[in-house]
Amino acid sequence: MKTVSMSGSLRENVGKKDAKKIRREGNVPCVLYGSDEQVHFYMSQKDFTKIIFTPHVYLLKINIGGNEKNAILQDIQYHPVTDLILHADFLEILPGKPVTIGIPLQFTGNPPGVLKGGKIRIKRRKLLVKGLAEDLPDFIEINIGNLDIGNILKVSDVTYANLEFLEPAGGEVVGVKTARGAGMGEEEVEDEEEGTEGEGATEGGEEGAPAAEGDTPPAE
């Protein structure tokens, strides 16, 4: 997994008043948890752009007051109007302790079903997995070169060495829709299928992936 170095400063006080002051100065209140002691600190809003506006997942090396910690971004809260980051939670990575994280998927191959007029339907772009930090890949490659019209790949069809998949085994990852849906938008196809019984219905799956698990961070 790719690594990004970041730096933060310890918070002198913890509370809503202090958090507001930190935000006014262009910083983000943060908490690092996962070990015996939780660390409250803050980082610049600008430093987050390299780890949130990307499909990749990074292992972070965060220097907090001269003490470097290995961590992953576990949760992030945004302002509902301005989209500014209000708070960020990081999970410390400890030797020998597995972590839970969503790993991006990369699809390869040319499905024969598409050549016949079908359309690829991607239901998940990440899969929630559990494993040691040293075993976490940048992405999981999935070959869809054998998918014909009506075929799907489920979570149970995906494997990766030393990783435990935490999604429902029967959840759909990717499939090829019937030729009837070719050239139509995703919403148009599904609306049409809902109103027509027994005509080319495609097996559905659960939308999205569940949020990553971890210790519950403390309130500000």
C-alpha atoms as a PDB file:
ATOM      1  CA  MET A   1       0.000   0.000   0.000  1.00  0.00           C
ATOM      2  CA  LYS A   2       1.238   3.482  -0.880  1.00  0.00           C
ATOM      3  CA  THR A   3       2.412   5.715   1.946  1.00  0.00           C
ATOM      4  CA  VAL A   4       1.800   9.427   2.494  1.00  0.00           C
ATOM      5  CA  SER A   5       3.585  11.493   5.138  1.00  0.00           C
ATOM      6  CA  MET A   6       1.637  14.140   7.052  1.00  0.00           C
ATOM      7  CA  SER A   7       2.246  16.316  10.080  1.00  0.00           C
ATOM      8  CA  GLY A   8       0.013  17.525  12.896  1.00  0.00           C
ATOM      9  CA  SER A   9       0.176  19.470  16.122  1.00  0.00           C
ATOM     10  CA  LEU A  10      -1.046  18.398  19.529  1.00  0.00           C
ATOM     11  CA  ARG A  11      -4.145  20.159  20.832  1.00  0.00           C
ATOM     12  CA  GLU A  12      -3.606  22.052  24.058  1.00  0.00           C
ATOM     13  CA  ASN A  13      -7.300  21.889  24.933  1.00  0.00           C
ATOM     14  CA  VAL A  14     -10.117  19.555  23.928  1.00  0.00           C
ATOM     15  CA  GLY A  15     -13.649  20.866  23.554  1.00  0.00           C
ATOM     16  CA  LYS A  16     -16.093  22.554  21.186  1.00  0.00           C
ATOM     17  CA  LYS A  17     -14.720  26.034  21.813  1.00  0.00           C
ATOM     18  CA  ASP A  18     -11.182  24.940  21.023  1.00  0.00           C
ATOM     19  CA  ALA A  19     -12.371  22.991  17.957  1.00  0.00           C
ATOM     20  CA  LYS A  20     -14.084  26.097  16.546  1.00  0.00           C
ATOM     21  CA  LYS A  21     -10.903  28.125  17.027  1.00  0.00           C
ATOM     22  CA  ILE A  22      -8.883  25.457  15.207  1.00  0.00           C
ATOM     23  CA  ARG A  23     -11.306  25.502  12.266  1.00  0.00           C
ATOM     24  CA  ARG A  24     -11.255  29.299  12.037  1.00  0.00           C
ATOM     25  CA  GLU A  25      -7.487  29.081  11.607  1.00  0.00           C
ATOM     26  CA  GLY A  26      -7.872  26.729   8.619  1.00  0.00           C
ATOM     27  CA  ASN A  27      -7.135  23.519  10.491  1.00  0.00           C
ATOM     28  CA  VAL A  28      -9.037  20.297  11.221  1.00  0.00           C
ATOM     29  CA  PRO A  29      -9.486  18.787  14.698  1.00  0.00           C
ATOM     30  CA  CYS A  30      -8.381  15.147  14.614  1.00  0.00           C
ATOM     31  CA  VAL A  31      -8.154  12.147  16.903  1.00  0.00           C
ATOM     32  CA  LEU A  32      -5.906   9.103  16.650  1.00  0.00           C
ATOM     33  CA  TYR A  33      -7.163   5.992  18.405  1.00  0.00           C
ATOM     34  CA  GLY A  34      -6.576   2.248  18.362  1.00  0.00           C
ATOM     35  CA  SER A  35      -3.903   1.986  21.071  1.00  0.00           C
ATOM     36  CA  ASP A  36      -4.143   2.441  24.830  1.00  0.00           C
ATOM     37  CA  GLU A  37      -4.030   6.219  24.580  1.00  0.00           C
ATOM     38  CA  GLN A  38      -6.041   8.461  22.251  1.00  0.00           C
ATOM     39  CA  VAL A  39      -4.201  11.422  20.759  1.00  0.00           C
ATOM     40  CA  HIS A  40      -6.019  14.691  20.008  1.00  0.00           C
ATOM     41  CA  PHE A  41      -4.311  16.876  17.412  1.00  0.00           C
ATOM     42  CA  TYR A  42      -5.017  19.040  14.380  1.00  0.00           C
ATOM     43  CA  MET A  43      -3.823  19.313  10.792  1.00  0.00           C
ATOM     44  CA  SER A  44      -4.203  21.874   8.008  1.00  0.00           C
ATOM     45  CA  GLN A  45      -7.285  21.632   5.775  1.00  0.00           C
ATOM     46  CA  LYS A  46      -4.981  21.802   2.743  1.00  0.00           C
ATOM     47  CA  ASP A  47      -3.060  18.687   3.787  1.00  0.00           C
ATOM     48  CA  PHE A  48      -6.179  16.550   3.394  1.00  0.00           C
ATOM     49  CA  THR A  49      -6.500  17.150  -0.343  1.00  0.00           C
ATOM     50  CA  LYS A  50      -3.832  14.554  -1.144  1.00  0.00           C
ATOM     51  CA  ILE A  51      -5.653  11.756   0.682  1.00  0.00           C
ATOM     52  CA  ILE A  52      -9.390  12.413   0.167  1.00  0.00           C
ATOM     53  CA  PHE A  53      -9.760  13.578  -3.445  1.00  0.00           C
ATOM     54  CA  THR A  54      -8.472  10.293  -4.827  1.00  0.00           C
ATOM     55  CA  PRO A  55      -9.784   6.743  -5.358  1.00  0.00           C
ATOM     56  CA  HIS A  56      -6.695   5.360  -3.619  1.00  0.00           C
ATOM     57  CA  VAL A  57      -6.327   4.314   0.007  1.00  0.00           C
ATOM     58  CA  TYR A  58      -3.095   5.261   1.740  1.00  0.00           C
ATOM     59  CA  LEU A  59      -1.056   4.166   4.716  1.00  0.00           C
ATOM     60  CA  LEU A  60      -0.318   7.391   6.579  1.00  0.00           C
ATOM     61  CA  LYS A  61       2.790   8.313   8.513  1.00  0.00           C
ATOM     62  CA  ILE A  62       1.653  11.162  10.758  1.00  0.00           C
ATOM     63  CA  ASN A  63       4.213  13.171  12.690  1.00  0.00           C
ATOM     64  CA  ILE A  64       2.431  14.529  15.757  1.00  0.00           C
ATOM     65  CA  GLY A  65       4.632  16.766  17.862  1.00  0.00           C
ATOM     66  CA  GLY A  66       7.761  14.858  16.828  1.00  0.00           C
ATOM     67  CA  ASN A  67       6.227  11.417  17.387  1.00  0.00           C
ATOM     68  CA  GLU A  68       5.527   9.489  14.168  1.00  0.00           C
ATOM     69  CA  LYS A  69       2.477   7.210  14.025  1.00  0.00           C
ATOM     70  CA  ASN A  70       1.346   4.773  11.335  1.00  0.00           C
ATOM     71  CA  ALA A  71      -2.368   5.137  10.669  1.00  0.00           C
ATOM     72  CA  ILE A  72      -5.245   4.977   8.214  1.00  0.00           C
ATOM     73  CA  LEU A  73      -8.044   7.509   7.769  1.00  0.00           C
ATOM     74  CA  GLN A  74     -11.055   5.900   9.429  1.00  0.00           C
ATOM     75  CA  ASP A  75     -13.770   8.558   9.251  1.00  0.00           C
ATOM     76  CA  ILE A  76     -14.217  12.135   8.140  1.00  0.00           C
ATOM     77  CA  GLN A  77     -17.002  14.651   8.796  1.00  0.00           C
ATOM     78  CA  TYR A  78     -17.913  17.479   6.414  1.00  0.00           C
ATOM     79  CA  HIS A  79     -19.846  20.711   6.861  1.00  0.00           C
ATOM     80  CA  PRO A  80     -23.276  20.169   5.212  1.00  0.00           C
ATOM     81  CA  VAL A  81     -23.136  23.477   3.312  1.00  0.00           C
ATOM     82  CA  THR A  82     -19.504  24.418   2.704  1.00  0.00           C
ATOM     83  CA  ASP A  83     -18.072  20.857   2.460  1.00  0.00           C
ATOM     84  CA  LEU A  84     -15.178  21.931   4.666  1.00  0.00           C
ATOM     85  CA  ILE A  85     -13.769  19.142   6.817  1.00  0.00           C
ATOM     86  CA  LEU A  86     -15.029  19.438  10.386  1.00  0.00           C
ATOM     87  CA  HIS A  87     -13.312  16.471  12.020  1.00  0.00           C
ATOM     88  CA  ALA A  88     -11.170  13.481  11.097  1.00  0.00           C
ATOM     89  CA  ASP A  89     -10.629  10.162  12.851  1.00  0.00           C
ATOM     90  CA  PHE A  90      -7.494   8.083  12.320  1.00  0.00           C
ATOM     91  CA  LEU A  91      -6.908   4.484  13.362  1.00  0.00           C
ATOM     92  CA  GLU A  92      -3.386   3.702  14.533  1.00  0.00           C
ATOM     93  CA  ILE A  93      -1.794   0.663  12.935  1.00  0.00           C
ATOM     94  CA  LEU A  94      -0.054  -1.553  15.450  1.00  0.00           C
ATOM     95  CA  PRO A  95       2.312  -4.444  14.659  1.00  0.00           C
ATOM     96  CA  GLY A  96       0.460  -7.756  14.372  1.00  0.00           C
ATOM     97  CA  LYS A  97      -2.991  -6.149  14.761  1.00  0.00           C
ATOM     98  CA  PRO A  98      -5.355  -6.452  11.733  1.00  0.00           C
ATOM     99  CA  VAL A  99      -7.172  -3.394  10.444  1.00  0.00           C
ATOM    100  CA  THR A 100     -10.493  -3.048   8.637  1.00  0.00           C
ATOM    101  CA  ILE A 101     -10.509  -0.878   5.537  1.00  0.00           C
ATOM    102  CA  GLY A 102     -12.184  -0.492   2.145  1.00  0.00           C
ATOM    103  CA  ILE A 103      -9.874  -1.452  -0.734  1.00  0.00           C
ATOM    104  CA  PRO A 104     -10.571  -0.037  -4.241  1.00  0.00           C
ATOM    105  CA  LEU A 105     -11.417  -2.435  -7.069  1.00  0.00           C
ATOM    106  CA  GLN A 106      -9.846  -2.331 -10.525  1.00  0.00           C
ATOM    107  CA  PHE A 107     -11.708  -4.094 -13.328  1.00  0.00           C
ATOM    108  CA  THR A 108      -9.856  -5.555 -16.315  1.00  0.00           C
ATOM    109  CA  GLY A 109     -10.868  -7.444 -19.450  1.00  0.00           C
ATOM    110  CA  ASN A 110     -13.481  -7.042 -22.212  1.00  0.00           C
ATOM    111  CA  PRO A 111     -16.718  -8.881 -21.352  1.00  0.00           C
ATOM    112  CA  PRO A 112     -18.245 -10.755 -24.331  1.00  0.00           C
ATOM    113  CA  GLY A 113     -21.648  -9.642 -23.080  1.00  0.00           C
ATOM    114  CA  VAL A 114     -20.753  -6.028 -23.869  1.00  0.00           C
ATOM    115  CA  LEU A 115     -19.801  -6.982 -27.437  1.00  0.00           C
ATOM    116  CA  LYS A 116     -23.306  -8.446 -27.758  1.00  0.00           C
ATOM    117  CA  GLY A 117     -24.918  -5.163 -26.731  1.00  0.00           C
ATOM    118  CA  GLY A 118     -25.030  -5.582 -22.965  1.00  0.00           C
ATOM    119  CA  LYS A 119     -23.881  -2.976 -20.482  1.00  0.00           C
ATOM    120  CA  ILE A 120     -21.546  -3.283 -17.512  1.00  0.00           C
ATOM    121  CA  ARG A 121     -23.154  -2.570 -14.133  1.00  0.00           C
ATOM    122  CA  ILE A 122     -20.673  -1.875 -11.315  1.00  0.00           C
ATOM    123  CA  LYS A 123     -22.308  -2.221  -7.907  1.00  0.00           C
ATOM    124  CA  ARG A 124     -19.198  -1.893  -5.730  1.00  0.00           C
ATOM    125  CA  ARG A 125     -16.031   0.101  -6.313  1.00  0.00           C
ATOM    126  CA  LYS A 126     -14.518  -0.897  -2.967  1.00  0.00           C
ATOM    127  CA  LEU A 127     -14.662  -3.996  -0.791  1.00  0.00           C
ATOM    128  CA  LEU A 128     -14.357  -3.970   2.973  1.00  0.00           C
ATOM    129  CA  VAL A 129     -11.531  -6.253   4.085  1.00  0.00           C
ATOM    130  CA  LYS A 130      -9.615  -7.148   7.232  1.00  0.00           C
ATOM    131  CA  GLY A 131      -5.894  -7.841   7.293  1.00  0.00           C
ATOM    132  CA  LEU A 132      -2.460  -6.779   8.460  1.00  0.00           C
ATOM    133  CA  ALA A 133      -1.159  -3.474   7.115  1.00  0.00           C
ATOM    134  CA  GLU A 134       1.707  -5.164   5.280  1.00  0.00           C
ATOM    135  CA  ASP A 135      -0.768  -7.375   3.387  1.00  0.00           C
ATOM    136  CA  LEU A 136      -3.055  -4.568   2.197  1.00  0.00           C
ATOM    137  CA  PRO A 137      -2.799  -3.926  -1.569  1.00  0.00           C
ATOM    138  CA  ASP A 138      -3.245  -0.612  -3.393  1.00  0.00           C
ATOM    139  CA  PHE A 139      -6.234  -2.179  -5.166  1.00  0.00           C
ATOM    140  CA  ILE A 140      -7.848  -5.539  -5.895  1.00  0.00           C
ATOM    141  CA  GLU A 141      -7.841  -6.491  -9.578  1.00  0.00           C
ATOM    142  CA  ILE A 142     -10.958  -8.260 -10.879  1.00  0.00           C
ATOM    143  CA  ASN A 143     -10.995  -9.810 -14.366  1.00  0.00           C
ATOM    144  CA  ILE A 144     -14.409  -9.454 -16.003  1.00  0.00           C
ATOM    145  CA  GLY A 145     -13.309 -10.817 -19.391  1.00  0.00           C
ATOM    146  CA  ASN A 146     -15.620 -13.846 -19.098  1.00  0.00           C
ATOM    147  CA  LEU A 147     -18.881 -12.083 -18.258  1.00  0.00           C
ATOM    148  CA  ASP A 148     -21.701 -12.666 -20.715  1.00  0.00           C
ATOM    149  CA  ILE A 149     -25.120 -11.017 -20.712  1.00  0.00           C
ATOM    150  CA  GLY A 150     -26.872 -11.789 -17.421  1.00  0.00           C
ATOM    151  CA  ASN A 151     -23.655 -12.919 -15.670  1.00  0.00           C
ATOM    152  CA  ILE A 152     -22.577 -11.362 -12.373  1.00  0.00           C
ATOM    153  CA  LEU A 153     -19.629 -11.615 -10.020  1.00  0.00           C
ATOM    154  CA  LYS A 154     -20.407 -11.783  -6.306  1.00  0.00           C
ATOM    155  CA  VAL A 155     -18.245 -11.002  -3.295  1.00  0.00           C
ATOM    156  CA  SER A 156     -17.770 -14.745  -2.802  1.00  0.00           C
ATOM    157  CA  ASP A 157     -16.068 -14.889  -6.244  1.00  0.00           C
ATOM    158  CA  VAL A 158     -13.330 -12.450  -5.156  1.00  0.00           C
ATOM    159  CA  THR A 159     -10.259 -13.688  -3.301  1.00  0.00           C
ATOM    160  CA  TYR A 160      -6.980 -12.137  -2.218  1.00  0.00           C
ATOM    161  CA  ALA A 161      -4.154 -13.688  -0.213  1.00  0.00           C
ATOM    162  CA  ASN A 162      -4.173 -12.995   3.543  1.00  0.00           C
ATOM    163  CA  LEU A 163      -7.312 -10.825   3.401  1.00  0.00           C
ATOM    164  CA  GLU A 164     -10.683 -11.560   4.988  1.00  0.00           C
ATOM    165  CA  PHE A 165     -13.616 -10.125   3.049  1.00  0.00           C
ATOM    166  CA  LEU A 166     -16.277  -8.620   5.304  1.00  0.00           C
ATOM    167  CA  GLU A 167     -19.003  -7.927   2.747  1.00  0.00           C
ATOM    168  CA  PRO A 168     -22.037 -10.271   2.442  1.00  0.00           C
ATOM    169  CA  ALA A 169     -20.875 -13.218   0.315  1.00  0.00           C
ATOM    170  CA  GLY A 170     -23.897 -12.989  -1.970  1.00  0.00           C
ATOM    171  CA  GLY A 171     -23.519  -9.262  -2.648  1.00  0.00           C
ATOM    172  CA  GLU A 172     -23.123  -8.321  -6.288  1.00  0.00           C
ATOM    173  CA  VAL A 173     -19.856  -6.672  -7.319  1.00  0.00           C
ATOM    174  CA  VAL A 174     -20.214  -6.309 -11.091  1.00  0.00           C
ATOM    175  CA  GLY A 175     -22.368  -7.746 -13.872  1.00  0.00           C
ATOM    176  CA  VAL A 176     -23.501  -7.318 -17.466  1.00  0.00           C
ATOM    177  CA  LYS A 177     -27.062  -6.129 -17.958  1.00  0.00           C
ATOM    178  CA  THR A 178     -29.406  -7.528 -20.580  1.00  0.00           C
ATOM    179  CA  ALA A 179     -29.126  -6.215 -24.128  1.00  0.00           C
ATOM    180  CA  ARG A 180     -32.507  -4.505 -23.648  1.00  0.00           C
ATOM    181  CA  GLY A 181     -30.773  -1.957 -21.421  1.00  0.00           C
ATOM    182  CA  ALA A 182     -27.979  -1.078 -23.839  1.00  0.00           C
ATOM    183  CA  GLY A 183     -27.656   2.641 -24.448  1.00  0.00           C
ATOM    184  CA  MET A 184     -29.907   3.597 -21.548  1.00  0.00           C
ATOM    185  CA  GLY A 185     -28.913   5.232 -18.267  1.00  0.00           C
ATOM    186  CA  GLU A 186     -28.719   3.191 -15.092  1.00  0.00           C
ATOM    187  CA  GLU A 187     -31.801   4.850 -13.562  1.00  0.00           C
ATOM    188  CA  GLU A 188     -33.854   4.456 -16.759  1.00  0.00           C
ATOM    189  CA  VAL A 189     -33.102   0.744 -16.970  1.00  0.00           C
ATOM    190  CA  GLU A 190     -33.945   0.025 -13.349  1.00  0.00           C
ATOM    191  CA  ASP A 191     -37.200   2.048 -13.549  1.00  0.00           C
ATOM    192  CA  GLU A 192     -38.257   0.084 -16.589  1.00  0.00           C
ATOM    193  CA  GLU A 193     -37.410  -3.224 -14.951  1.00  0.00           C
ATOM    194  CA  GLU A 194     -39.399  -2.370 -11.846  1.00  0.00           C
ATOM    195  CA  GLY A 195     -42.497  -1.735 -13.937  1.00  0.00           C
ATOM    196  CA  THR A 196     -42.209  -4.878 -16.102  1.00  0.00           C
ATOM    197  CA  GLU A 197     -42.462  -8.264 -14.463  1.00  0.00           C
ATOM    198  CA  GLY A 198     -40.605 -11.218 -15.905  1.00  0.00           C
ATOM    199  CA  GLU A 199     -38.875  -9.322 -18.725  1.00  0.00           C
ATOM    200  CA  GLY A 200     -35.093  -9.434 -18.501  1.00  0.00           C
ATOM    201  CA  ALA A 201     -34.890  -8.621 -14.820  1.00  0.00           C
ATOM    202  CA  THR A 202     -31.308  -8.545 -13.627  1.00  0.00           C
ATOM    203  CA  GLU A 203     -30.304  -9.876 -10.243  1.00  0.00           C
ATOM    204  CA  GLY A 204     -29.656  -6.944  -7.927  1.00  0.00           C
ATOM    205  CA  GLY A 205     -27.083  -6.350  -5.216  1.00  0.00           C
ATOM    206  CA  GLU A 206     -26.527  -4.131  -2.265  1.00  0.00           C
ATOM    207  CA  GLU A 207     -25.470  -0.601  -3.037  1.00  0.00           C
ATOM    208  CA  GLY A 208     -22.142   0.566  -1.688  1.00  0.00           C
ATOM    209  CA  ALA A 209     -19.987  -0.871   1.070  1.00  0.00           C
ATOM    210  CA  PRO A 210     -20.545  -0.588   4.809  1.00  0.00           C
ATOM    211  CA  ALA A 211     -18.499   1.906   6.737  1.00  0.00           C
ATOM    212  CA  ALA A 212     -15.159   0.725   8.046  1.00  0.00           C
ATOM    213  CA  GLU A 213     -15.175  -0.692  11.528  1.00  0.00           C
ATOM    214  CA  GLY A 214     -13.049   0.587  14.380  1.00  0.00           C
ATOM    215  CA  ASP A 215     -13.051   1.809  17.923  1.00  0.00           C
ATOM    216  CA  THR A 216     -15.602   4.535  18.536  1.00  0.00           C
ATOM    217  CA  PRO A 217     -13.782   7.881  18.764  1.00  0.00           C
ATOM    218  CA  PRO A 218     -14.503  10.241  21.606  1.00  0.00           C
ATOM    219  CA  ALA A 219     -16.540  13.390  21.216  1.00  0.00           C
ATOM    220  CA  GLU A 220     -14.723  16.652  20.714  1.00  0.00           C
END
